[in-house]
Amino acid sequence: MKNIVILISGRGSNMEAVVRAAEAESWPARIAAVISNKPDAGGLAFAQSRGIPTAVVSNKEFATRAEFDARLQEVIDTYQPDLVVLAGFMRILTAPFVEHYAGRMLNIHPSLLPLFPGLHTHQQALDAGMSEHGATVHFVTAELDHGPSVLQARIPVLPGDTPDLLAARLLAEEHKIYPRAVRLFIEDRLVVEDGAVRIVESTDHSQADAISI
């Protein structure tokens, strides 16, 4: 039974999607905790309603990112996580923190990486005249939004689309691919080789038929 710790900063809709999938599909894992850097994050109430332990580590209480990350790491590690899931966690993490969870921390980013890392991805896609847009689940590395991709979802960019319309349509797809990616991880079906992720069709890596992402 693997432990999953989820980090949020707001309403945590992707966190909710992961929690609901874990419950509905009886994953061989438990959501050990939901942690926020904001005490008023809406997702904390949802987690508590599911009986999931919650914690708050407010970045406003620390003078530097390094001090905040060090305390956050201490709190996360009390739950002995096998996987840390960033679900709308709006903090840029320091390299030592990322290295501590190397190979066991996932994020979802609202673009088809490597396109449009960083913020305002929906506006960036519209400004670039893209015919499609999407989201990417990826392993977290010290370079922002550059870790190996696990899964992507794609949607068409429609005439008259605005950043808000794109965001709303894409969020529904995020809620599908993020739980799937987390489940693949906890089933030991993600293999990172030479900076790329393979999804194996069974937990027997020596005989598995792998799919490159």
Protein backbone atom coordinates (compact mmCIF):
# COMPACT_ATOMS: atom_id res chain seq x y z
CA MET A 1 0.00 0.00 0.00
CA LYS A 2 1.71 3.16 -1.22
CA ASN A 3 1.34 6.58 0.41
CA ILE A 4 0.41 9.59 -1.72
CA VAL A 5 0.79 13.17 -0.45
CA ILE A 6 -0.95 15.87 -2.48
CA LEU A 7 0.05 19.54 -2.42
CA ILE A 8 -2.49 22.26 -3.26
CA SER A 9 -2.81 26.02 -3.12
CA GLY A 10 -6.49 26.52 -3.95
CA ARG A 11 -9.67 24.60 -4.69
CA GLY A 12 -7.72 21.49 -5.64
CA SER A 13 -9.95 20.16 -8.40
CA ASN A 14 -7.19 17.86 -9.68
CA MET A 15 -6.67 16.67 -6.12
CA GLU A 16 -10.37 15.86 -5.96
CA ALA A 17 -10.11 13.91 -9.22
CA VAL A 18 -7.23 11.84 -7.85
CA VAL A 19 -9.01 11.18 -4.55
CA ARG A 20 -12.26 10.17 -6.26
CA ALA A 21 -10.43 7.84 -8.66
CA ALA A 22 -8.48 6.22 -5.83
CA GLU A 23 -11.73 5.55 -3.99
CA ALA A 24 -13.72 4.36 -7.01
CA GLU A 25 -10.98 2.12 -8.40
CA SER A 26 -9.69 0.76 -5.07
CA TRP A 27 -6.09 1.69 -5.76
CA PRO A 28 -3.31 -0.14 -3.88
CA ALA A 29 -2.51 3.20 -2.24
CA ARG A 30 -3.90 5.69 0.20
CA ILE A 31 -4.01 9.46 0.15
CA ALA A 32 -1.89 9.98 3.25
CA ALA A 33 -2.31 13.76 3.41
CA VAL A 34 -3.31 16.90 1.56
CA ILE A 35 -1.03 19.84 2.34
CA SER A 36 -1.52 23.48 1.36
CA ASN A 37 0.62 26.59 1.54
CA LYS A 38 -2.57 28.62 2.04
CA PRO A 39 -4.81 28.14 5.09
CA ASP A 40 -7.92 29.19 3.15
CA ALA A 41 -7.40 26.74 0.27
CA GLY A 42 -10.80 25.33 -0.64
CA GLY A 43 -9.45 21.85 -1.27
CA LEU A 44 -8.65 21.35 2.41
CA ALA A 45 -12.35 21.09 3.27
CA PHE A 46 -12.89 18.44 0.60
CA ALA A 47 -9.98 16.38 1.90
CA GLN A 48 -11.24 16.64 5.47
CA SER A 49 -14.70 15.52 4.33
CA ARG A 50 -13.05 12.36 3.01
CA GLY A 51 -11.22 11.72 6.28
CA ILE A 52 -7.85 12.62 4.77
CA PRO A 53 -5.34 14.26 7.11
CA THR A 54 -4.55 17.87 6.17
CA ALA A 55 -1.81 20.32 7.04
CA VAL A 56 -0.91 23.90 6.24
CA VAL A 57 2.61 25.21 5.78
CA SER A 58 2.20 28.90 5.00
CA ASN A 59 4.97 30.31 2.83
CA LYS A 60 4.22 33.73 4.33
CA GLU A 61 5.75 32.58 7.60
CA PHE A 62 9.21 32.08 6.06
CA ALA A 63 11.75 34.65 4.91
CA THR A 64 13.13 32.57 2.03
CA ARG A 65 12.02 29.88 -0.37
CA ALA A 66 14.70 27.60 1.03
CA GLU A 67 13.35 27.90 4.57
CA PHE A 68 9.80 27.27 3.42
CA ASP A 69 10.79 24.25 1.35
CA ALA A 70 12.78 22.79 4.23
CA ARG A 71 9.79 22.99 6.56
CA LEU A 72 7.42 21.71 3.88
CA GLN A 73 9.71 18.73 3.32
CA GLU A 74 9.70 17.95 7.04
CA VAL A 75 5.90 17.92 7.12
CA ILE A 76 5.57 15.85 3.93
CA ASP A 77 8.05 13.27 5.18
CA THR A 78 6.06 12.61 8.35
CA TYR A 79 3.59 10.84 6.03
CA GLN A 80 6.31 8.65 4.45
CA PRO A 81 5.29 9.40 0.86
CA ASP A 82 5.98 7.09 -2.04
CA LEU A 83 4.64 9.80 -4.34
CA VAL A 84 4.16 13.56 -4.03
CA VAL A 85 1.47 14.99 -6.32
CA LEU A 86 1.42 18.70 -7.15
CA ALA A 87 -2.19 19.68 -7.84
CA GLY A 88 -2.34 23.40 -8.41
CA PHE A 89 0.50 24.02 -5.97
CA MET A 90 1.52 27.55 -6.90
CA ARG A 91 5.08 27.60 -5.67
CA ILE A 92 8.39 27.37 -7.52
CA LEU A 93 10.32 24.71 -5.65
CA THR A 94 14.02 24.85 -4.84
CA ALA A 95 16.46 22.38 -6.36
CA PRO A 96 17.26 20.59 -3.05
CA PHE A 97 13.54 20.01 -2.44
CA VAL A 98 13.01 18.65 -5.94
CA GLU A 99 16.08 16.43 -5.66
CA HIS A 100 14.81 14.98 -2.38
CA TYR A 101 11.72 13.69 -4.22
CA ALA A 102 13.42 12.91 -7.53
CA GLY A 103 11.53 10.24 -9.44
CA ARG A 104 8.58 10.37 -7.06
CA MET A 105 6.97 13.77 -7.65
CA LEU A 106 4.43 14.51 -10.40
CA ASN A 107 2.93 17.75 -11.66
CA ILE A 108 0.26 18.62 -14.22
CA HIS A 109 0.89 21.63 -16.45
CA PRO A 110 -1.75 23.22 -18.71
CA SER A 111 0.12 23.07 -22.00
CA LEU A 112 1.54 20.54 -24.41
CA LEU A 113 5.05 20.64 -23.01
CA PRO A 114 7.66 21.53 -24.07
CA LEU A 115 5.42 24.30 -25.43
CA PHE A 116 4.55 27.17 -23.09
CA PRO A 117 6.19 26.44 -19.74
CA GLY A 118 5.35 28.83 -16.94
CA LEU A 119 2.21 30.92 -16.52
CA HIS A 120 -0.61 32.15 -18.79
CA THR A 121 -0.44 29.09 -21.01
CA HIS A 122 -3.93 29.48 -22.48
CA GLN A 123 -3.22 33.04 -23.61
CA GLN A 124 0.14 31.93 -24.96
CA ALA A 125 -1.54 29.23 -27.04
CA LEU A 126 -4.04 31.72 -28.45
CA ASP A 127 -1.36 34.32 -29.16
CA ALA A 128 0.69 31.71 -31.03
CA GLY A 129 -2.28 30.76 -33.21
CA MET A 130 -2.22 27.14 -32.11
CA SER A 131 -4.79 24.77 -33.59
CA GLU A 132 -4.67 22.57 -30.49
CA HIS A 133 -3.88 22.98 -26.84
CA GLY A 134 -3.50 20.56 -23.98
CA ALA A 135 -2.11 19.48 -20.65
CA THR A 136 0.89 17.41 -19.61
CA VAL A 137 1.54 15.24 -16.57
CA HIS A 138 5.27 15.14 -15.96
CA PHE A 139 7.88 14.23 -13.40
CA VAL A 140 9.19 17.27 -11.57
CA THR A 141 12.81 18.32 -12.05
CA ALA A 142 14.70 21.40 -10.94
CA GLU A 143 14.12 23.05 -14.33
CA LEU A 144 10.57 24.44 -14.28
CA ASP A 145 8.10 22.40 -16.39
CA HIS A 146 10.87 20.43 -18.10
CA GLY A 147 10.65 17.01 -16.45
CA PRO A 148 9.94 13.83 -18.45
CA SER A 149 6.35 13.74 -19.73
CA VAL A 150 4.07 10.89 -18.63
CA LEU A 151 0.72 11.62 -20.31
CA GLN A 152 -0.80 14.39 -22.41
CA ALA A 153 -4.36 15.41 -23.22
CA ARG A 154 -5.19 17.44 -26.34
CA ILE A 155 -8.13 19.65 -27.21
CA PRO A 156 -8.81 21.72 -30.36
CA VAL A 157 -8.60 25.48 -30.21
CA LEU A 158 -12.00 26.65 -31.46
CA PRO A 159 -12.98 29.91 -33.18
CA GLY A 160 -13.87 32.47 -30.53
CA ASP A 161 -11.95 30.70 -27.79
CA THR A 162 -10.76 32.79 -24.86
CA PRO A 163 -8.27 31.81 -22.16
CA ASP A 164 -11.18 31.08 -19.80
CA LEU A 165 -13.00 28.88 -22.32
CA LEU A 166 -9.83 26.95 -23.10
CA ALA A 167 -9.07 26.54 -19.40
CA ALA A 168 -12.53 25.18 -18.63
CA ARG A 169 -12.49 22.63 -21.46
CA LEU A 170 -8.97 21.56 -20.66
CA LEU A 171 -9.64 21.12 -16.96
CA ALA A 172 -12.09 18.31 -17.72
CA GLU A 173 -9.31 16.50 -19.57
CA GLU A 174 -6.82 17.13 -16.76
CA HIS A 175 -9.21 15.36 -14.40
CA LYS A 176 -8.91 12.27 -16.61
CA ILE A 177 -5.19 12.06 -17.24
CA TYR A 178 -3.87 13.03 -13.80
CA PRO A 179 -5.55 10.16 -11.92
CA ARG A 180 -4.46 7.79 -14.69
CA ALA A 181 -0.84 8.92 -14.40
CA VAL A 182 -0.87 8.61 -10.61
CA ARG A 183 -2.31 5.11 -10.85
CA LEU A 184 0.38 4.10 -13.36
CA PHE A 185 3.00 5.27 -10.90
CA ILE A 186 1.60 3.40 -7.92
CA GLU A 187 1.31 0.25 -10.05
CA ASP A 188 5.04 0.56 -10.90
CA ARG A 189 4.26 0.96 -14.58
CA LEU A 190 6.28 4.13 -15.25
CA VAL A 191 9.90 3.71 -16.26
CA VAL A 192 12.19 6.69 -16.93
CA GLU A 193 15.02 5.95 -19.34
CA ASP A 194 17.30 8.52 -20.98
CA GLY A 195 14.99 11.36 -19.98
CA ALA A 196 11.85 9.74 -21.43
CA VAL A 197 8.99 7.85 -19.80
CA ARG A 198 7.82 4.40 -20.84
CA ILE A 199 4.49 2.98 -19.73
CA VAL A 200 4.79 -0.74 -19.23
CA GLU A 201 1.87 -3.05 -19.78
CA SER A 202 2.63 -5.15 -16.74
CA THR A 203 4.76 -4.90 -13.61
CA ASP A 204 7.22 -7.38 -15.15
CA HIS A 205 9.57 -4.81 -16.68
CA SER A 206 11.74 -7.47 -18.34
CA GLN A 207 8.88 -8.77 -20.50
CA ALA A 208 6.60 -5.77 -20.77
CA ASP A 209 5.50 -4.27 -24.03
CA ALA A 210 6.32 -0.62 -23.45
CA ILE A 211 4.78 2.50 -24.95
CA SER A 212 6.94 5.61 -25.40
CA ILE A 213 5.35 8.89 -24.41
